[in-house]
Amino acid sequence: MNNLFSCIPPFLDHEQFRDIVKTDQIRIERIVSYGQSSPEQGWYEQDENEWVMVLTGFGIIEYDNGERFELKQGDYLNIAAHQKHRVTATSDKEPTVWLAVFYPD
Protein backbone atom coordinates (compact mmCIF):
# COMPACT_ATOMS: atom_id res chain seq x y z
CA MET A 1 0.00 0.00 0.00
CA ASN A 2 1.18 3.54 -0.76
CA ASN A 3 0.21 7.01 0.42
CA LEU A 4 0.26 10.25 -1.62
CA PHE A 5 1.54 12.17 1.40
CA SER A 6 4.47 9.89 2.22
CA CYS A 7 8.06 10.84 1.43
CA ILE A 8 7.38 14.57 1.12
CA PRO A 9 10.64 16.31 2.01
CA PRO A 10 10.52 19.23 4.48
CA PHE A 11 11.91 21.58 1.78
CA LEU A 12 12.60 21.47 -1.96
CA ASP A 13 14.53 23.94 -4.10
CA HIS A 14 12.78 22.52 -7.19
CA GLU A 15 9.48 20.80 -7.86
CA GLN A 16 9.30 17.06 -7.34
CA PHE A 17 7.49 14.90 -9.93
CA ARG A 18 6.64 11.27 -9.20
CA ASP A 19 4.67 8.93 -11.45
CA ILE A 20 2.02 6.99 -9.53
CA VAL A 21 0.64 5.09 -12.55
CA LYS A 22 1.99 5.12 -16.09
CA THR A 23 0.61 3.26 -19.10
CA ASP A 24 0.39 3.95 -22.83
CA GLN A 25 -2.98 5.66 -22.30
CA ILE A 26 -2.76 7.40 -18.92
CA ARG A 27 -0.25 8.86 -16.51
CA ILE A 28 -1.06 9.82 -12.92
CA GLU A 29 1.55 11.99 -11.28
CA ARG A 30 2.13 13.53 -7.86
CA ILE A 31 3.79 16.94 -7.95
CA VAL A 32 5.16 18.67 -4.85
CA SER A 33 5.91 22.41 -4.96
CA TYR A 34 7.34 24.75 -2.31
CA GLY A 35 6.86 28.22 -3.75
CA GLN A 36 8.03 27.23 -7.23
CA SER A 37 6.48 28.56 -10.42
CA SER A 38 7.06 28.14 -14.14
CA PRO A 39 9.99 30.03 -15.65
CA GLU A 40 8.99 33.60 -16.62
CA GLN A 41 9.10 32.83 -20.35
CA GLY A 42 8.09 29.18 -19.98
CA TRP A 43 4.72 27.74 -20.94
CA TYR A 44 3.61 24.13 -20.68
CA GLU A 45 1.93 22.82 -23.80
CA GLN A 46 1.46 19.09 -23.96
CA ASP A 47 -0.12 16.71 -26.45
CA GLU A 48 -2.43 15.16 -23.84
CA ASN A 49 -5.19 16.56 -21.63
CA GLU A 50 -4.31 17.22 -17.99
CA TRP A 51 -6.71 17.03 -15.06
CA VAL A 52 -5.03 18.54 -12.02
CA MET A 53 -6.15 18.81 -8.39
CA VAL A 54 -4.58 20.54 -5.40
CA LEU A 55 -4.50 18.31 -2.33
CA THR A 56 -2.64 20.70 0.01
CA GLY A 57 -1.41 24.27 -0.29
CA PHE A 58 -2.46 26.33 -3.29
CA GLY A 59 -1.41 26.97 -6.87
CA ILE A 60 -2.25 29.58 -9.47
CA ILE A 61 -2.46 28.46 -13.08
CA GLU A 62 -2.55 30.98 -15.90
CA TYR A 63 -3.48 30.39 -19.54
CA ASP A 64 -1.71 32.27 -22.33
CA ASN A 65 -4.90 34.32 -22.89
CA GLY A 66 -4.54 35.80 -19.38
CA GLU A 67 -7.21 33.67 -17.71
CA ARG A 68 -6.11 32.70 -14.16
CA PHE A 69 -7.27 30.00 -11.78
CA GLU A 70 -6.39 29.90 -8.08
CA LEU A 71 -6.65 26.32 -6.90
CA LYS A 72 -6.89 25.56 -3.19
CA GLN A 73 -7.33 22.28 -1.36
CA GLY A 74 -9.86 20.15 -3.25
CA ASP A 75 -10.04 22.41 -6.33
CA TYR A 76 -9.37 20.89 -9.73
CA LEU A 77 -8.98 22.04 -13.31
CA ASN A 78 -9.07 20.24 -16.63
CA ILE A 79 -6.48 21.62 -19.05
CA ALA A 80 -7.14 20.73 -22.67
CA ALA A 81 -4.35 19.31 -24.81
CA HIS A 82 -2.27 22.06 -26.47
CA GLN A 83 -3.61 24.74 -24.07
CA LYS A 84 -0.59 26.84 -23.16
CA HIS A 85 -0.44 27.29 -19.40
CA ARG A 86 1.96 27.95 -16.56
CA VAL A 87 2.06 27.93 -12.78
CA THR A 88 2.48 31.51 -11.57
CA ALA A 89 2.61 30.78 -7.81
CA THR A 90 2.47 28.04 -5.20
CA SER A 91 2.51 28.18 -1.41
CA ASP A 92 5.90 28.83 0.18
CA LYS A 93 4.47 28.25 3.69
CA GLU A 94 3.60 24.57 3.16
CA PRO A 95 4.00 22.01 0.42
CA THR A 96 1.57 22.28 -2.45
CA VAL A 97 0.73 18.71 -3.38
CA TRP A 98 -0.85 18.28 -6.80
CA LEU A 99 -2.42 15.19 -8.32
CA ALA A 100 -2.24 15.30 -12.12
CA VAL A 101 -3.86 12.88 -14.55
CA PHE A 102 -2.68 13.02 -18.17
CA TYR A 103 -4.89 11.32 -20.76
CA PRO A 104 -5.19 11.26 -24.57
CA ASP A 105 -6.95 13.96 -26.53
PDB file of N, CA and C in Angstrom:
ATOM      1  N   MET A   1       0.844  -1.173   0.000  1.00  0.00           N
ATOM      2  CA  MET A   1       0.000   0.000   0.000  1.00  0.00           C
ATOM      3  C   MET A   1       0.893   1.242   0.000  1.00  0.00           C
ATOM      4  N   ASN A   2       0.445   2.279  -0.671  1.00  0.00           N
ATOM      5  CA  ASN A   2       1.178   3.538  -0.762  1.00  0.00           C
ATOM      6  C   ASN A   2       0.298   4.680  -0.273  1.00  0.00           C
ATOM      7  N   ASN A   3       0.930   5.836  -0.048  1.00  0.00           N
ATOM      8  CA  ASN A   3       0.214   7.011   0.425  1.00  0.00           C
ATOM      9  C   ASN A   3       0.743   8.234  -0.326  1.00  0.00           C
ATOM     10  N   LEU A   4      -0.151   9.058  -0.853  1.00  0.00           N
ATOM     11  CA  LEU A   4       0.259  10.246  -1.620  1.00  0.00           C
ATOM     12  C   LEU A   4       1.049  11.245  -0.785  1.00  0.00           C
ATOM     13  N   PHE A   5       0.878  11.203   0.535  1.00  0.00           N
ATOM     14  CA  PHE A   5       1.544  12.169   1.395  1.00  0.00           C
ATOM     15  C   PHE A   5       2.828  11.635   2.020  1.00  0.00           C
ATOM     16  N   SER A   6       3.228  10.424   1.664  1.00  0.00           N
ATOM     17  CA  SER A   6       4.471   9.886   2.219  1.00  0.00           C
ATOM     18  C   SER A   6       5.664  10.393   1.405  1.00  0.00           C
ATOM     19  N   CYS A   7       6.783  10.453   2.054  1.00  0.00           N
ATOM     20  CA  CYS A   7       8.058  10.838   1.427  1.00  0.00           C
ATOM     21  C   CYS A   7       8.043  12.258   0.868  1.00  0.00           C
ATOM     22  N   ILE A   8       7.336  13.168   1.513  1.00  0.00           N
ATOM     23  CA  ILE A   8       7.382  14.571   1.115  1.00  0.00           C
ATOM     24  C   ILE A   8       8.493  15.228   1.931  1.00  0.00           C
ATOM     25  N   PRO A   9       9.541  15.697   1.270  1.00  0.00           N
ATOM     26  CA  PRO A   9      10.643  16.311   2.010  1.00  0.00           C
ATOM     27  C   PRO A   9      10.211  17.615   2.691  1.00  0.00           C
ATOM     28  N   PRO A  10      10.898  18.013   3.755  1.00  0.00           N
ATOM     29  CA  PRO A  10      10.525  19.235   4.478  1.00  0.00           C
ATOM     30  C   PRO A  10      10.781  20.506   3.668  1.00  0.00           C
ATOM     31  N   PHE A  11      11.624  20.423   2.634  1.00  0.00           N
ATOM     32  CA  PHE A  11      11.910  21.577   1.782  1.00  0.00           C
ATOM     33  C   PHE A  11      12.419  21.073   0.441  1.00  0.00           C
ATOM     34  N   LEU A  12      12.090  21.787  -0.615  1.00  0.00           N
ATOM     35  CA  LEU A  12      12.596  21.473  -1.959  1.00  0.00           C
ATOM     36  C   LEU A  12      13.014  22.768  -2.635  1.00  0.00           C
ATOM     37  N   ASP A  13      14.143  22.747  -3.324  1.00  0.00           N
ATOM     38  CA  ASP A  13      14.527  23.937  -4.095  1.00  0.00           C
ATOM     39  C   ASP A  13      14.049  23.821  -5.545  1.00  0.00           C
ATOM     40  N   HIS A  14      13.388  22.716  -5.869  1.00  0.00           N
ATOM     41  CA  HIS A  14      12.781  22.522  -7.188  1.00  0.00           C
ATOM     42  C   HIS A  14      11.567  21.612  -7.017  1.00  0.00           C
ATOM     43  N   GLU A  15      10.664  21.649  -7.962  1.00  0.00           N
ATOM     44  CA  GLU A  15       9.481  20.799  -7.862  1.00  0.00           C
ATOM     45  C   GLU A  15       9.866  19.336  -7.972  1.00  0.00           C
ATOM     46  N   GLN A  16       9.085  18.501  -7.300  1.00  0.00           N
ATOM     47  CA  GLN A  16       9.303  17.057  -7.336  1.00  0.00           C
ATOM     48  C   GLN A  16       8.147  16.412  -8.100  1.00  0.00           C
ATOM     49  N   PHE A  17       8.478  15.606  -9.109  1.00  0.00           N
ATOM     50  CA  PHE A  17       7.489  14.904  -9.927  1.00  0.00           C
ATOM     51  C   PHE A  17       7.672  13.410  -9.711  1.00  0.00           C
ATOM     52  N   ARG A  18       6.563  12.721  -9.403  1.00  0.00           N
ATOM     53  CA  ARG A  18       6.642  11.266  -9.195  1.00  0.00           C
ATOM     54  C   ARG A  18       5.453  10.608  -9.869  1.00  0.00           C
ATOM     55  N   ASP A  19       5.740   9.697 -10.809  1.00  0.00           N
ATOM     56  CA  ASP A  19       4.669   8.931 -11.450  1.00  0.00           C
ATOM     57  C   ASP A  19       4.074   7.948 -10.453  1.00  0.00           C
ATOM     58  N   ILE A  20       2.749   7.937 -10.377  1.00  0.00           N
ATOM     59  CA  ILE A  20       2.020   6.987  -9.530  1.00  0.00           C
ATOM     60  C   ILE A  20       1.592   5.792 -10.389  1.00  0.00           C
ATOM     61  N   VAL A  21       1.044   6.101 -11.575  1.00  0.00           N
ATOM     62  CA  VAL A  21       0.637   5.095 -12.555  1.00  0.00           C
ATOM     63  C   VAL A  21       1.055   5.609 -13.918  1.00  0.00           C
ATOM     64  N   LYS A  22       1.592   4.713 -14.738  1.00  0.00           N
ATOM     65  CA  LYS A  22       1.986   5.124 -16.089  1.00  0.00           C
ATOM     66  C   LYS A  22       1.736   3.963 -17.047  1.00  0.00           C
ATOM     67  N   THR A  23       0.882   4.220 -18.036  1.00  0.00           N
ATOM     68  CA  THR A  23       0.614   3.257 -19.098  1.00  0.00           C
ATOM     69  C   THR A  23       0.700   3.996 -20.429  1.00  0.00           C
ATOM     70  N   ASP A  24       0.406   3.298 -21.518  1.00  0.00           N
ATOM     71  CA  ASP A  24       0.395   3.949 -22.830  1.00  0.00           C
ATOM     72  C   ASP A  24      -0.732   4.968 -22.946  1.00  0.00           C
ATOM     73  N   GLN A  25      -1.802   4.818 -22.166  1.00  0.00           N
ATOM     74  CA  GLN A  25      -2.983   5.662 -22.297  1.00  0.00           C
ATOM     75  C   GLN A  25      -3.146   6.711 -21.196  1.00  0.00           C
ATOM     76  N   ILE A  26      -2.524   6.494 -20.047  1.00  0.00           N
ATOM     77  CA  ILE A  26      -2.761   7.398 -18.915  1.00  0.00           C
ATOM     78  C   ILE A  26      -1.502   7.494 -18.053  1.00  0.00           C
ATOM     79  N   ARG A  27      -1.324   8.662 -17.463  1.00  0.00           N
ATOM     80  CA  ARG A  27      -0.246   8.858 -16.505  1.00  0.00           C
ATOM     81  C   ARG A  27      -0.819   9.641 -15.338  1.00  0.00           C
ATOM     82  N   ILE A  28      -0.632   9.132 -14.143  1.00  0.00           N
ATOM     83  CA  ILE A  28      -1.055   9.817 -12.921  1.00  0.00           C
ATOM     84  C   ILE A  28       0.221  10.185 -12.175  1.00  0.00           C
ATOM     85  N   GLU A  29       0.312  11.454 -11.818  1.00  0.00           N
ATOM     86  CA  GLU A  29       1.549  11.985 -11.278  1.00  0.00           C
ATOM     87  C   GLU A  29       1.275  12.799 -10.018  1.00  0.00           C
ATOM     88  N   ARG A  30       2.159  12.651  -9.030  1.00  0.00           N
ATOM     89  CA  ARG A  30       2.133  13.530  -7.860  1.00  0.00           C
ATOM     90  C   ARG A  30       3.216  14.572  -8.054  1.00  0.00           C
ATOM     91  N   ILE A  31       2.844  15.834  -7.839  1.00  0.00           N
ATOM     92  CA  ILE A  31       3.788  16.938  -7.954  1.00  0.00           C
ATOM     93  C   ILE A  31       3.816  17.643  -6.601  1.00  0.00           C
ATOM     94  N   VAL A  32       5.007  17.929  -6.106  1.00  0.00           N
ATOM     95  CA  VAL A  32       5.157  18.671  -4.851  1.00  0.00           C
ATOM     96  C   VAL A  32       5.909  19.960  -5.154  1.00  0.00           C
ATOM     97  N   SER A  33       5.322  21.084  -4.752  1.00  0.00           N
ATOM     98  CA  SER A  33       5.912  22.408  -4.960  1.00  0.00           C
ATOM     99  C   SER A  33       6.066  23.102  -3.609  1.00  0.00           C
ATOM    100  N   TYR A  34       7.117  23.888  -3.483  1.00  0.00           N
ATOM    101  CA  TYR A  34       7.342  24.747  -2.309  1.00  0.00           C
ATOM    102  C   TYR A  34       7.649  26.153  -2.806  1.00  0.00           C
ATOM    103  N   GLY A  35       6.654  26.857  -3.277  1.00  0.00           N
ATOM    104  CA  GLY A  35       6.862  28.217  -3.752  1.00  0.00           C
ATOM    105  C   GLY A  35       7.366  28.311  -5.180  1.00  0.00           C
ATOM    106  N   GLN A  36       7.538  27.182  -5.855  1.00  0.00           N
ATOM    107  CA  GLN A  36       8.029  27.228  -7.230  1.00  0.00           C
ATOM    108  C   GLN A  36       6.936  27.682  -8.196  1.00  0.00           C
ATOM    109  N   SER A  37       7.374  28.190  -9.333  1.00  0.00           N
ATOM    110  CA  SER A  37       6.476  28.557 -10.421  1.00  0.00           C
ATOM    111  C   SER A  37       7.186  28.239 -11.733  1.00  0.00           C
ATOM    112  N   SER A  38       6.460  28.375 -12.823  1.00  0.00           N
ATOM    113  CA  SER A  38       7.056  28.140 -14.135  1.00  0.00           C
ATOM    114  C   SER A  38       8.062  29.250 -14.430  1.00  0.00           C
ATOM    115  N   PRO A  39       9.066  28.956 -15.256  1.00  0.00           N
ATOM    116  CA  PRO A  39       9.988  30.026 -15.653  1.00  0.00           C
ATOM    117  C   PRO A  39       9.217  31.180 -16.298  1.00  0.00           C
ATOM    118  N   GLU A  40       9.692  32.401 -16.136  1.00  0.00           N
ATOM    119  CA  GLU A  40       8.995  33.596 -16.616  1.00  0.00           C
ATOM    120  C   GLU A  40       8.572  33.481 -18.072  1.00  0.00           C
ATOM    121  N   GLN A  41       9.424  32.962 -18.922  1.00  0.00           N
ATOM    122  CA  GLN A  41       9.100  32.834 -20.349  1.00  0.00           C
ATOM    123  C   GLN A  41       8.616  31.428 -20.706  1.00  0.00           C
ATOM    124  N   GLY A  42       8.426  30.572 -19.703  1.00  0.00           N
ATOM    125  CA  GLY A  42       8.086  29.177 -19.982  1.00  0.00           C
ATOM    126  C   GLY A  42       6.605  28.888 -19.920  1.00  0.00           C
ATOM    127  N   TRP A  43       6.114  28.183 -20.904  1.00  0.00           N
ATOM    128  CA  TRP A  43       4.723  27.736 -20.935  1.00  0.00           C
ATOM    129  C   TRP A  43       4.720  26.231 -21.132  1.00  0.00           C
ATOM    130  N   TYR A  44       3.833  25.550 -20.411  1.00  0.00           N
ATOM    131  CA  TYR A  44       3.612  24.129 -20.676  1.00  0.00           C
ATOM    132  C   TYR A  44       2.618  24.029 -21.824  1.00  0.00           C
ATOM    133  N   GLU A  45       2.868  23.117 -22.725  1.00  0.00           N
ATOM    134  CA  GLU A  45       1.926  22.824 -23.804  1.00  0.00           C
ATOM    135  C   GLU A  45       2.147  21.374 -24.187  1.00  0.00           C
ATOM    136  N   GLN A  46       1.260  20.515 -23.731  1.00  0.00           N
ATOM    137  CA  GLN A  46       1.459  19.090 -23.961  1.00  0.00           C
ATOM    138  C   GLN A  46       0.419  18.524 -24.930  1.00  0.00           C
ATOM    139  N   ASP A  47       0.739  17.361 -25.460  1.00  0.00           N
ATOM    140  CA  ASP A  47      -0.119  16.706 -26.448  1.00  0.00           C
ATOM    141  C   ASP A  47      -1.324  16.017 -25.818  1.00  0.00           C
ATOM    142  N   GLU A  48      -1.303  15.825 -24.508  1.00  0.00           N
ATOM    143  CA  GLU A  48      -2.427  15.159 -23.841  1.00  0.00           C
ATOM    144  C   GLU A  48      -3.182  16.146 -22.953  1.00  0.00           C
ATOM    145  N   ASN A  49      -4.400  15.791 -22.594  1.00  0.00           N
ATOM    146  CA  ASN A  49      -5.185  16.561 -21.631  1.00  0.00           C
ATOM    147  C   ASN A  49      -4.581  16.351 -20.244  1.00  0.00           C
ATOM    148  N   GLU A  50      -4.793  17.338 -19.369  1.00  0.00           N
ATOM    149  CA  GLU A  50      -4.311  17.220 -17.990  1.00  0.00           C
ATOM    150  C   GLU A  50      -5.418  17.648 -17.035  1.00  0.00           C
ATOM    151  N   TRP A  51      -5.790  16.721 -16.160  1.00  0.00           N
ATOM    152  CA  TRP A  51      -6.713  17.025 -15.064  1.00  0.00           C
ATOM    153  C   TRP A  51      -5.828  17.158 -13.840  1.00  0.00           C
ATOM    154  N   VAL A  52      -5.907  18.312 -13.157  1.00  0.00           N
ATOM    155  CA  VAL A  52      -5.030  18.541 -12.017  1.00  0.00           C
ATOM    156  C   VAL A  52      -5.853  18.990 -10.815  1.00  0.00           C
ATOM    157  N   MET A  53      -5.462  18.487  -9.643  1.00  0.00           N
ATOM    158  CA  MET A  53      -6.152  18.807  -8.393  1.00  0.00           C
ATOM    159  C   MET A  53      -5.119  19.168  -7.336  1.00  0.00           C
ATOM    160  N   VAL A  54      -5.439  20.178  -6.517  1.00  0.00           N
ATOM    161  CA  VAL A  54      -4.579  20.545  -5.395  1.00  0.00           C
ATOM    162  C   VAL A  54      -5.069  19.810  -4.159  1.00  0.00           C
ATOM    163  N   LEU A  55      -4.159  19.058  -3.540  1.00  0.00           N
ATOM    164  CA  LEU A  55      -4.499  18.306  -2.327  1.00  0.00           C
ATOM    165  C   LEU A  55      -4.140  19.085  -1.061  1.00  0.00           C
ATOM    166  N   THR A  56      -3.030  19.823  -1.093  1.00  0.00           N
ATOM    167  CA  THR A  56      -2.635  20.697   0.011  1.00  0.00           C
ATOM    168  C   THR A  56      -1.998  21.947  -0.578  1.00  0.00           C
ATOM    169  N   GLY A  57      -2.003  23.027   0.184  1.00  0.00           N
ATOM    170  CA  GLY A  57      -1.415  24.274  -0.289  1.00  0.00           C
ATOM    171  C   GLY A  57      -2.321  24.963  -1.295  1.00  0.00           C
ATOM    172  N   PHE A  58      -1.699  25.685  -2.216  1.00  0.00           N
ATOM    173  CA  PHE A  58      -2.458  26.328  -3.290  1.00  0.00           C
ATOM    174  C   PHE A  58      -1.549  26.498  -4.499  1.00  0.00           C
ATOM    175  N   GLY A  59      -2.158  26.685  -5.648  1.00  0.00           N
ATOM    176  CA  GLY A  59      -1.414  26.966  -6.870  1.00  0.00           C
ATOM    177  C   GLY A  59      -2.239  27.865  -7.775  1.00  0.00           C
ATOM    178  N   ILE A  60      -1.570  28.724  -8.503  1.00  0.00           N
ATOM    179  CA  ILE A  60      -2.247  29.585  -9.469  1.00  0.00           C
ATOM    180  C   ILE A  60      -1.782  29.189 -10.861  1.00  0.00           C
ATOM    181  N   ILE A  61      -2.737  28.838 -11.694  1.00  0.00           N
ATOM    182  CA  ILE A  61      -2.457  28.456 -13.081  1.00  0.00           C
ATOM    183  C   ILE A  61      -2.983  29.556 -13.987  1.00  0.00           C
ATOM    184  N   GLU A  62      -2.170  29.936 -14.955  1.00  0.00           N
ATOM    185  CA  GLU A  62      -2.548  30.981 -15.904  1.00  0.00           C
ATOM    186  C   GLU A  62      -2.472  30.421 -17.322  1.00  0.00           C
ATOM    187  N   TYR A  63      -3.489  30.733 -18.119  1.00  0.00           N
ATOM    188  CA  TYR A  63      -3.476  30.392 -19.544  1.00  0.00           C
ATOM    189  C   TYR A  63      -2.823  31.523 -20.310  1.00  0.00           C
ATOM    190  N   ASP A  64      -2.377  31.250 -21.529  1.00  0.00           N
ATOM    191  CA  ASP A  64      -1.707  32.272 -22.328  1.00  0.00           C
ATOM    192  C   ASP A  64      -2.637  33.399 -22.772  1.00  0.00           C
ATOM    193  N   ASN A  65      -3.946  33.231 -22.581  1.00  0.00           N
ATOM    194  CA  ASN A  65      -4.897  34.316 -22.895  1.00  0.00           C
ATOM    195  C   ASN A  65      -5.136  35.226 -21.682  1.00  0.00           C
ATOM    196  N   GLY A  66      -4.415  34.982 -20.572  1.00  0.00           N
ATOM    197  CA  GLY A  66      -4.535  35.803 -19.375  1.00  0.00           C
ATOM    198  C   GLY A  66      -5.505  35.271 -18.333  1.00  0.00           C
ATOM    199  N   GLU A  67      -6.280  34.260 -18.672  1.00  0.00           N
ATOM    200  CA  GLU A  67      -7.214  33.670 -17.709  1.00  0.00           C
ATOM    201  C   GLU A  67      -6.417  32.996 -16.593  1.00  0.00           C
ATOM    202  N   ARG A  68      -6.829  33.237 -15.324  1.00  0.00           N
ATOM    203  CA  ARG A  68      -6.109  32.703 -14.163  1.00  0.00           C
ATOM    204  C   ARG A  68      -7.049  31.909 -13.272  1.00  0.00           C
ATOM    205  N   PHE A  69      -6.504  30.864 -12.673  1.00  0.00           N
ATOM    206  CA  PHE A  69      -7.267  29.997 -11.782  1.00  0.00           C
ATOM    207  C   PHE A  69      -6.465  29.792 -10.506  1.00  0.00           C
ATOM    208  N   GLU A  70      -7.038  30.173  -9.357  1.00  0.00           N
ATOM    209  CA  GLU A  70      -6.389  29.900  -8.082  1.00  0.00           C
ATOM    210  C   GLU A  70      -6.999  28.629  -7.513  1.00  0.00           C
ATOM    211  N   LEU A  71      -6.193  27.602  -7.404  1.00  0.00           N
ATOM    212  CA  LEU A  71      -6.653  26.318  -6.899  1.00  0.00           C
ATOM    213  C   LEU A  71      -6.201  26.146  -5.462  1.00  0.00           C
ATOM    214  N   LYS A  72      -7.164  25.855  -4.589  1.00  0.00           N
ATOM    215  CA  LYS A  72      -6.890  25.565  -3.185  1.00  0.00           C
ATOM    216  C   LYS A  72      -7.260  24.109  -2.935  1.00  0.00           C
ATOM    217  N   GLN A  73      -7.083  23.670  -1.718  1.00  0.00           N
ATOM    218  CA  GLN A  73      -7.330  22.276  -1.356  1.00  0.00           C
ATOM    219  C   GLN A  73      -8.675  21.799  -1.891  1.00  0.00           C
ATOM    220  N   GLY A  74      -8.644  20.748  -2.699  1.00  0.00           N
ATOM    221  CA  GLY A  74      -9.856  20.149  -3.255  1.00  0.00           C
ATOM    222  C   GLY A  74     -10.266  20.702  -4.605  1.00  0.00           C
ATOM    223  N   ASP A  75      -9.688  21.832  -5.030  1.00  0.00           N
ATOM    224  CA  ASP A  75     -10.036  22.412  -6.327  1.00  0.00           C
ATOM    225  C   ASP A  75      -9.319  21.658  -7.441  1.00  0.00           C
ATOM    226  N   TYR A  76      -9.991  21.543  -8.586  1.00  0.00           N
ATOM    227  CA  TYR A  76      -9.372  20.890  -9.732  1.00  0.00           C
ATOM    228  C   TYR A  76      -9.686  21.647 -11.003  1.00  0.00           C
ATOM    229  N   LEU A  77      -8.876  21.360 -12.017  1.00  0.00           N
ATOM    230  CA  LEU A  77      -8.979  22.038 -13.307  1.00  0.00           C
ATOM    231  C   LEU A  77      -8.645  21.035 -14.396  1.00  0.00           C
ATOM    232  N   ASN A  78      -9.391  21.069 -15.478  1.00  0.00           N
ATOM    233  CA  ASN A  78      -9.074  20.240 -16.634  1.00  0.00           C
ATOM    234  C   ASN A  78      -8.436  21.145 -17.688  1.00  0.00           C
ATOM    235  N   ILE A  79      -7.226  20.828 -18.068  1.00  0.00           N
ATOM    236  CA  ILE A  79      -6.477  21.623 -19.046  1.00  0.00           C
ATOM    237  C   ILE A  79      -6.457  20.838 -20.350  1.00  0.00           C
ATOM    238  N   ALA A  80      -7.047  21.402 -21.377  1.00  0.00           N
ATOM    239  CA  ALA A  80      -7.137  20.727 -22.668  1.00  0.00           C
ATOM    240  C   ALA A  80      -5.750  20.578 -23.295  1.00  0.00           C
ATOM    241  N   ALA A  81      -5.590  19.521 -24.068  1.00  0.00           N
ATOM    242  CA  ALA A  81      -4.352  19.309 -24.805  1.00  0.00           C
ATOM    243  C   ALA A  81      -4.048  20.562 -25.634  1.00  0.00           C
ATOM    244  N   HIS A  82      -2.773  20.923 -25.699  1.00  0.00           N
ATOM    245  CA  HIS A  82      -2.271  22.063 -26.470  1.00  0.00           C
ATOM    246  C   HIS A  82      -2.663  23.426 -25.894  1.00  0.00           C
ATOM    247  N   GLN A  83      -3.313  23.463 -24.734  1.00  0.00           N
ATOM    248  CA  GLN A  83      -3.612  24.736 -24.072  1.00  0.00           C
ATOM    249  C   GLN A  83      -2.337  25.207 -23.372  1.00  0.00           C
ATOM    250  N   LYS A  84      -1.793  26.315 -23.801  1.00  0.00           N
ATOM    251  CA  LYS A  84      -0.589  26.840 -23.159  1.00  0.00           C
ATOM    252  C   LYS A  84      -0.962  27.336 -21.764  1.00  0.00           C
ATOM    253  N   HIS A  85      -0.174  26.908 -20.779  1.00  0.00           N
ATOM    254  CA  HIS A  85      -0.436  27.285 -19.396  1.00  0.00           C
ATOM    255  C   HIS A  85       0.871  27.294 -18.610  1.00  0.00           C
ATOM    256  N   ARG A  86       0.807  27.955 -17.455  1.00  0.00           N
ATOM    257  CA  ARG A  86       1.955  27.952 -16.564  1.00  0.00           C
ATOM    258  C   ARG A  86       1.467  28.114 -15.135  1.00  0.00           C
ATOM    259  N   VAL A  87       2.330  27.748 -14.208  1.00  0.00           N
ATOM    260  CA  VAL A  87       2.057  27.927 -12.783  1.00  0.00           C
ATOM    261  C   VAL A  87       2.718  29.241 -12.386  1.00  0.00           C
ATOM    262  N   THR A  88       1.914  30.202 -11.921  1.00  0.00           N
ATOM    263  CA  THR A  88       2.483  31.508 -11.566  1.00  0.00           C
ATOM    264  C   THR A  88       2.844  31.612 -10.090  1.00  0.00           C
ATOM    265  N   ALA A  89       2.273  30.745  -9.240  1.00  0.00           N
ATOM    266  CA  ALA A  89       2.612  30.782  -7.814  1.00  0.00           C
ATOM    267  C   ALA A  89       2.158  29.499  -7.142  1.00  0.00           C
ATOM    268  N   THR A  90       2.890  29.118  -6.102  1.00  0.00           N
ATOM    269  CA  THR A  90       2.474  28.038  -5.195  1.00  0.00           C
ATOM    270  C   THR A  90       2.830  28.486  -3.777  1.00  0.00           C
ATOM    271  N   SER A  91       2.274  27.815  -2.803  1.00  0.00           N
ATOM    272  CA  SER A  91       2.515  28.183  -1.408  1.00  0.00           C
ATOM    273  C   SER A  91       3.987  27.999  -1.044  1.00  0.00           C
ATOM    274  N   ASP A  92       4.542  28.988  -0.348  1.00  0.00           N
ATOM    275  CA  ASP A  92       5.896  28.834   0.183  1.00  0.00           C
ATOM    276  C   ASP A  92       5.866  28.590   1.689  1.00  0.00           C
ATOM    277  N   LYS A  93       4.650  28.478   2.248  1.00  0.00           N
ATOM    278  CA  LYS A  93       4.475  28.246   3.688  1.00  0.00           C
ATOM    279  C   LYS A  93       4.284  26.764   4.011  1.00  0.00           C
ATOM    280  N   GLU A  94       3.847  26.005   3.017  1.00  0.00           N
ATOM    281  CA  GLU A  94       3.602  24.572   3.162  1.00  0.00           C
ATOM    282  C   GLU A  94       3.750  23.934   1.791  1.00  0.00           C
ATOM    283  N   PRO A  95       3.913  22.628   1.740  1.00  0.00           N
ATOM    284  CA  PRO A  95       4.003  22.011   0.419  1.00  0.00           C
ATOM    285  C   PRO A  95       2.664  22.107  -0.310  1.00  0.00           C
ATOM    286  N   THR A  96       2.743  22.410  -1.595  1.00  0.00           N
ATOM    287  CA  THR A  96       1.567  22.279  -2.447  1.00  0.00           C
ATOM    288  C   THR A  96       1.693  20.912  -3.099  1.00  0.00           C
ATOM    289  N   VAL A  97       0.730  20.053  -2.801  1.00  0.00           N
ATOM    290  CA  VAL A  97       0.728  18.706  -3.375  1.00  0.00           C
ATOM    291  C   VAL A  97      -0.363  18.665  -4.433  1.00  0.00           C
ATOM    292  N   TRP A  98       0.048  18.371  -5.661  1.00  0.00           N
ATOM    293  CA  TRP A  98      -0.845  18.276  -6.804  1.00  0.00           C
ATOM    294  C   TRP A  98      -1.022  16.811  -7.183  1.00  0.00           C
ATOM    295  N   LEU A  99      -2.191  16.478  -7.684  1.00  0.00           N
ATOM    296  CA  LEU A  99      -2.418  15.188  -8.315  1.00  0.00           C
ATOM    297  C   LEU A  99      -2.793  15.502  -9.757  1.00  0.00           C
ATOM    298  N   ALA A 100      -2.014  15.006 -10.704  1.00  0.00           N
ATOM    299  CA  ALA A 100      -2.241  15.300 -12.118  1.00  0.00           C
ATOM    300  C   ALA A 100      -2.494  14.003 -12.866  1.00  0.00           C
ATOM    301  N   VAL A 101      -3.530  14.025 -13.714  1.00  0.00           N
ATOM    302  CA  VAL A 101      -3.859  12.878 -14.552  1.00  0.00           C
ATOM    303  C   VAL A 101      -3.756  13.336 -15.999  1.00  0.00           C
ATOM    304  N   PHE A 102      -2.873  12.702 -16.757  1.00  0.00           N
ATOM    305  CA  PHE A 102      -2.683  13.017 -18.165  1.00  0.00           C
ATOM    306  C   PHE A 102      -3.339  11.909 -18.986  1.00  0.00           C
ATOM    307  N   TYR A 103      -4.164  12.315 -19.957  1.00  0.00           N
ATOM    308  CA  TYR A 103      -4.891  11.320 -20.761  1.00  0.00           C
ATOM    309  C   TYR A 103      -5.001  11.815 -22.191  1.00  0.00           C
ATOM    310  N   PRO A 104      -5.200  10.885 -23.157  1.00  0.00           N
ATOM    311  CA  PRO A 104      -5.191  11.263 -24.570  1.00  0.00           C
ATOM    312  C   PRO A 104      -6.281  12.245 -24.947  1.00  0.00           C
ATOM    313  N   ASP A 105      -5.998  13.001 -26.002  1.00  0.00           N
ATOM    314  CA  ASP A 105      -6.949  13.957 -26.535  1.00  0.00           C
ATOM    315  C   ASP A 105      -8.047  13.218 -27.280  1.00  0.00           C
TER     316      ASP A 105
END
